[in-house]
Amino acid sequence: MAFEDTEKRFEEDIETYLLTEGGYVKGNQLNYDKEKAIDMNPLIEFIQETQEKAWVRYNKIYGDQASEQLYKRLSDEIESNGMLHILRNGITDRGVKLKIAFFRPESSLNEKTIQNYQANKLIVTRQFAYSTANHNSLDMVLSLNGIPIVAMELKNQIKGQSVEHGKKQFMYDRNPREKIFQFNKRVLVYFVADLNEVWMTTKLDGKETFFLPFNQGTNGAGEVGGAGNPENPDGYITSYLWEKVLHKDSLMNIIHRFMHLEVKKQKVVKNGREQNKVSSKLIFPRFHQLDVVRKLVHTVRIKGSGDNYLIQHSAGSGKSNSIAWLAYHLASLHDDDDKSIFNSVIVVTDRTVLDRQLQDTISSFDHTDGLVETIGERKTSRDLKNAINDGKRIIITTLQKFPVIYEEVDVNQGNRFAVLVDEAHSSQTGTSAKKLKAALADTEEALREYAELEAEIEENTPDQEDKLVQELLSHGSHDNLSFFAFTATPKEKTLEMFGTKQSDDSFRPFHIYGMRQAIEERFILDVLQNYMTYQMSYKIAKNTPDNPELSTTQGVKAIRRYQSLHPHNLQQKTAIMIEHFRNVTQHEIGGRAKAMVVTASRLHAVRYFFEFKRYIKNKGYSDMDVLVAFSGTVPDENEEYTEEHLNKTKDGKWVKENQLKETFHTDEFNVLVVAEKYQTGFDEPLLHTMFVDKKLSGVKAVQTLSRLNRTHPNKNNTFILDFVNEAEDIQKAFQPFYEVTELDKEIDVNLIYDTKTKLRNYKIYNDQDIKKLTKIYLKNGSQSDKDLGRIASHLVPIIKRYEELDDQQQYEFRVTVRNFNKWYSYITQLTRMFDKELHEEFIFNSYLIKFIPKNSTGKIDIKDKVKLEYYKLEQTFNGDIALEKNTNGYQLSNPDNVETGIKPPEDDDLLENIVRRVNEKYDGKISESDRVIIEGVTRKAKESNDRLKSLARNNDEEMFEKSLFPGVFEKASQDLYMEQMDSYSKLFEDKSYYNTIMMAVAKEIYKELRSE
């Protein structure tokens, strides 16, 4: 018998599985109505079996027309609400409620609901003829109670066909106007599969149809890998599609508890008019999202509460939806005894977009009032306390609200909580995180453990009201708390606190969907593929006869700040950015591409904003405009600026802070200048280019640059122009998070005792000092009107002893105190120390560090002491910053000792020496010929025009630079050229070089002449 390797055999094998193991019945099209795109017989049979009384009533109303009326009412409701909504909620006709499908309940206590679920008829039909206009057929269609909901095209590489051929069939051979293909009217999801890959979409839109990969990854779901699927020694590589996704129980679960209709309302500007645009998208879980939720739910169902889980999913990979789905599943999760595993699910986030998304997604699954409680900006910590005490099923809040209520939450013994953390980082190891645990922890078990440890008899168990014991009991893990932490960039502390411990004592995420796989699957774009760096070189000259002493570190910072805020610097960079935007960026994404300017400070952002506005106005550019984003108020040159009083639309309306994202998305604006804002959690698919004028490193670099990685149907690439960072530094920042991030070992908790010993060696305080303070802090009863004053008084002699140390010792002591507090907070999150003396030392040092005098190193103003002599920008790198593949991950290391990072105290130095140091670092690109040209033309310009001083004094800087000085500069430079052609020929060979030198000389001459 010949071996069958045809597409037909591929179809048969899938069908065989679905019929024998997948819960399906074989379909035919005898009663399928192509015009209506439904087979009414299975639907009526389902209703008769599961809702007999309702169907009897329906027949009494409509008699022989019941079937036709059912279709009409069903069709009307689908037109109004969509197929997904009807499958979940059914229809109502003249008071009769009819369910179109039943879903498996989380609890199995109600036998009737189980029977109703089992009555659903899932039908598999091959070569499905769907059209009234032609004889086309789909390779396979899956129907639910007669309604087609899944369409599949199956291809076979052995016969020269692949998923690409299947995509083209759906795009060009399937008319989206056919009833069966209309969006959210019949088929909910379309799959294309071959022997190696699976792709998916939820909307046919002709050539605009957008397919997403639906693959596991080369090493399987949740593991390190790239695009594609692993080998399958037991069958088809793509068998996970029909075995894990299309199986009856799985598909019904996805329709019931995963699929989501996302409705977005956006403002767009067309032909100068602002319009509201509403768009809808059916969300079907990507495979890594489906996999992580199901694996977490399965593990928690078996193990119960008390474990932590770290999910390392790349930025832009849909973490918001994953969190929403997980929250909903955990809120209704039951154990084998049909008992709810968690009393409440608490989602901790600072992203308002996640708040909305969570509520919208969950409300589409479950319309139970009050299921989701959001503790937003307008609500208080008391609202959070009430939500927890009232047992609200899902609570969304910020971590900052927990400290206020940690003593007021009434956690009864046995109450269990799931805590979902969005973008988990070291902030989870601070005071707020500790008090979150204190608020939710079931302390009964810990009390017993404490009593056993101290070998105390029952009557001597510490009183619940004892403040010290209460704080001790919140340390470490608790059986009633489970943490689920999502991040793309886990740090050491995050890995140890939430990661899964391996057999070699290392820590690893529970589930991985790495940056590499996301990029290779085109879920996100590679933001490092088109990277350009510029290096600036400049020379600072002392501009004062005095030579004052300044703090070296503060002086260098002041000089760099002076240079970075120098108008010439901002003007040069602004020109580069705007011209690049207009020449390149503006033509991307169908002409809708946008750019972000990342600045070093709020003052930089304000000045860049004005410089952008000035340049755009002077050039007469009408096709671009700029917004600025920063927090608070920024003082500059006797003026104060806020974000809301700078951003204005063309029709004169001020843009409020909560309107900025929406306004930026419109066609009116295309550049956003930011300072520590919108660098994380900003989801704008039209963002194509980023201009970086800020030092970035580590996690901050990854988070900031990853704002560009969101996909868009017309977005093929991204671009970054970096004025500050080098390509090697960016590569070093991204590599740890490219595939998977691990931790080599757990922290040695005894390091905290080494740090305590270091502190005591300074002889600043002793046991008696600690006891005095903690006796007040930990006393029972309410705080008196003198307690705070007494604590402050006790610290006075300790501060005096500290001040007797020399500068070096003071610095070392300060750093050691901070390290002690930081490491104690971290270690006690990981384990229960049950060390009263150590905890008292922590309480003492938490107050002491606040009273230690801060360095009196105020910001140094040097703008009248130095001047910018030379300035030059030069491109140093342009290309792809490649990351290493197949490394099996990047391992972070926990320290072997608690280093204090001691460095010598700052020495003061003369201003001219500080200037020399700065120039040694940044002056390398200014050649001797450049210096000759600048010095010569400056001297010649001042000598050749007697009226120059009066021109400078009687005109503003812009008039002087743009209108008056160019003629003076031209004559001076031409005279010099005639005198020394070899030395000054460079000035006339490059127009850009000529203008750069002219502007620099004009600014310094103007400033010098105005000050005389």
Foldseek 3Di string as FASTA:
>chain_A
DDDDQDLVVVLVVLVVCCCPPQLADADDCPQQDLQLQWRLVLQVVLQCVQPVVLVVVLCVVPPPCSSVVQSVQLQVVCVVPFQLLCQQQNGADPRRGTHSAAADAQFCPDVSSVVSNSSWHKYKYAQAQRDPVDRHGFGIFIAISGFTAETEHEDEVVVPDFLVVVVLCLQAVNDCVRQCQPQRRTHQKYWYHYQKFIWIFRHHDHPLTDIFTQEQAQVGFQAFHADTFHDDPVDGRPVCCSVVCVRSNNVSCQSQQPKAKDKDWFWAADPNDIDIDIDIGIDRDRNNLVVVLVVVLVVCLVVFFFAFFEEAAAPLLPVLSSVLSNLLCLLRHAHPVRHRRALAEEEADPFVVSVVVSVRGVCSNPVDPQLEAEQDPVHALVVVLCCQQVSRHYYYYHLVRQVVCLVPRDADPPHAYEYEYEADALVCLDPSVLSVLLNHARQPVVQVVLCVVVVHDPVPRDDPLFVLVSSLSSFAIHRRYYYYYYHLAYDQLRQLLRFDQDPLQKGFGPGYDFQNRCCNSLSWHDLQFWEWEKAKFFAKFFQDPDWDWAFLVLLLVQVVVCVCPPPLNLLVVLVVVVVCCVVPQCPAPVRQAAEEEEAAAPVSQVSNQVSNVVVCVVVVPQQAHEAEDDDDWDDDPNDIDDRQVPDAFPVGDTADPVCVLSVCNYSRHGYYYYYPPCQAPRAHQSHAEYEYDHDDAAPSLSSRSRSHTHHDSRHDHHHYYYHDDDLVRSLVRCQQSRTTEMANHDADLCLLVVLVVVLVVLVLDDPVLLCQLVCLVRPRDDHDPCSVVSNVVSCVSSLVSLVVDDPQVNLLNLLSLVLSLSSVSSVRNHDSPSDSSSVSVNVNSVVNNVPRDDDPNDNDNCSNGMAIQDMDMDIDDTGGSDHDPPPSHDYDYDDPHRDSPRDGDTDIDTSRVSSVVSNVVRNVVQDPLNVCLLVQLLVQLPVVDPCLLVVLQVDDLCCQLPPPQVVSSVVSLVVVCVVPVVSRVVCVPDPVSVSSSSNSSSVVSSVVSNVD
